[in-house]
Amino acid sequence: MATDFSFMRAYGKLHGVKEGYLDYDIRRARRENAAVDAYSWDEENQRWKKFSELEEKAESGDAEAAELVQRLRVIMR
C-alpha cells in the first residue's frame, strides 16, 4: 500500500470515502503534482486544499478548522 498523500487518506477515512474514489483522487493529485499535504480537492476554487493552510486557519481561531485538524491528526496516529 502506498503511503503518499497521508492527509488525503485520513480525510477520506474520516468521511467514509470509498477506496476507489480515494484512489482516483490520489492518482489525480500525483498527476497534478499536488502538495504532499493536500487533503481534498476544492471544486469551487479549482485547487487542492492543503493541511498546512488548514492549520493556519485553526491557529488564527477558526474552531471548525481546529476540530478538523485535531480529527485528522487522531486518524493519522
Protein backbone atom coordinates (compact mmCIF):
# COMPACT_ATOMS: atom_id res chain seq x y z
CA MET A 1 0.00 0.00 0.00
CA ALA A 2 1.29 3.44 -0.90
CA THR A 3 2.00 5.88 1.86
CA ASP A 4 1.94 9.15 -0.06
CA PHE A 5 -0.86 11.66 0.44
CA SER A 6 -1.46 10.53 4.01
CA PHE A 7 -3.59 13.61 4.75
CA MET A 8 -5.87 12.74 1.83
CA ARG A 9 -6.13 9.16 3.06
CA ALA A 10 -7.00 10.33 6.59
CA TYR A 11 -9.58 12.81 5.25
CA GLY A 12 -11.12 10.06 3.13
CA LYS A 13 -11.27 7.72 6.10
CA LEU A 14 -12.88 10.44 8.23
CA HIS A 15 -15.61 10.95 5.66
CA GLY A 16 -16.09 7.30 4.73
CA VAL A 17 -14.91 7.76 1.16
CA LYS A 18 -14.90 4.54 -0.85
CA GLU A 19 -11.48 3.14 -1.73
CA GLY A 20 -11.98 3.52 -5.49
CA TYR A 21 -12.86 7.19 -5.22
CA LEU A 22 -9.91 7.84 -2.92
CA ASP A 23 -7.56 6.03 -5.31
CA TYR A 24 -8.85 8.21 -8.16
CA ASP A 25 -8.18 11.39 -6.16
CA ILE A 26 -4.70 10.25 -5.19
CA ARG A 27 -3.82 9.39 -8.80
CA ARG A 28 -5.07 12.83 -9.81
CA ALA A 29 -3.04 14.51 -7.08
CA ARG A 30 0.07 12.66 -8.28
CA ARG A 31 -0.54 13.71 -11.90
CA GLU A 32 -1.04 17.33 -10.87
CA ASN A 33 1.97 17.33 -8.54
CA ALA A 34 -0.21 18.38 -5.62
CA ALA A 35 1.48 19.32 -2.37
CA VAL A 36 2.26 16.33 -0.15
CA ASP A 37 -0.09 17.75 2.49
CA ALA A 38 -3.06 18.02 0.11
CA TYR A 39 -6.14 16.54 1.73
CA SER A 40 -9.04 17.44 -0.57
CA TRP A 41 -9.94 18.97 -3.94
CA ASP A 42 -11.75 22.30 -3.72
CA GLU A 43 -14.11 22.23 -6.69
CA GLU A 44 -15.25 25.82 -6.25
CA ASN A 45 -11.73 27.28 -6.35
CA GLN A 46 -10.24 24.56 -8.57
CA ARG A 47 -7.31 23.82 -6.28
CA TRP A 48 -6.06 21.30 -3.74
CA LYS A 49 -6.74 22.14 -0.11
CA LYS A 50 -3.58 21.82 1.98
CA PHE A 51 -3.29 20.72 5.59
CA SER A 52 -0.77 23.50 6.30
CA GLU A 53 -3.39 26.09 5.29
CA LEU A 54 -5.98 24.35 7.44
CA GLU A 55 -3.58 24.53 10.40
CA GLU A 56 -3.08 28.26 9.82
CA LYS A 57 -6.84 28.80 9.92
CA ALA A 58 -7.07 26.76 13.11
CA GLU A 59 -4.27 28.74 14.74
CA SER A 60 -5.99 32.01 13.84
CA GLY A 61 -9.09 30.96 15.78
CA ASP A 62 -11.28 29.09 13.30
CA ALA A 63 -12.97 26.50 15.52
CA GLU A 64 -14.20 24.36 12.62
CA ALA A 65 -10.71 24.17 11.13
CA ALA A 66 -9.24 23.38 14.56
CA GLU A 67 -11.64 20.47 15.01
CA LEU A 68 -10.82 19.07 11.56
CA VAL A 69 -7.08 19.37 12.23
CA GLN A 70 -7.49 17.50 15.50
CA ARG A 71 -9.61 14.75 13.96
CA LEU A 72 -7.18 14.22 11.08
CA ARG A 73 -4.23 14.02 13.47
CA VAL A 74 -6.00 11.35 15.52
CA ILE A 75 -6.66 9.24 12.42
CA MET A 76 -3.05 9.59 11.29
CA ARG A 77 -1.59 8.27 14.55
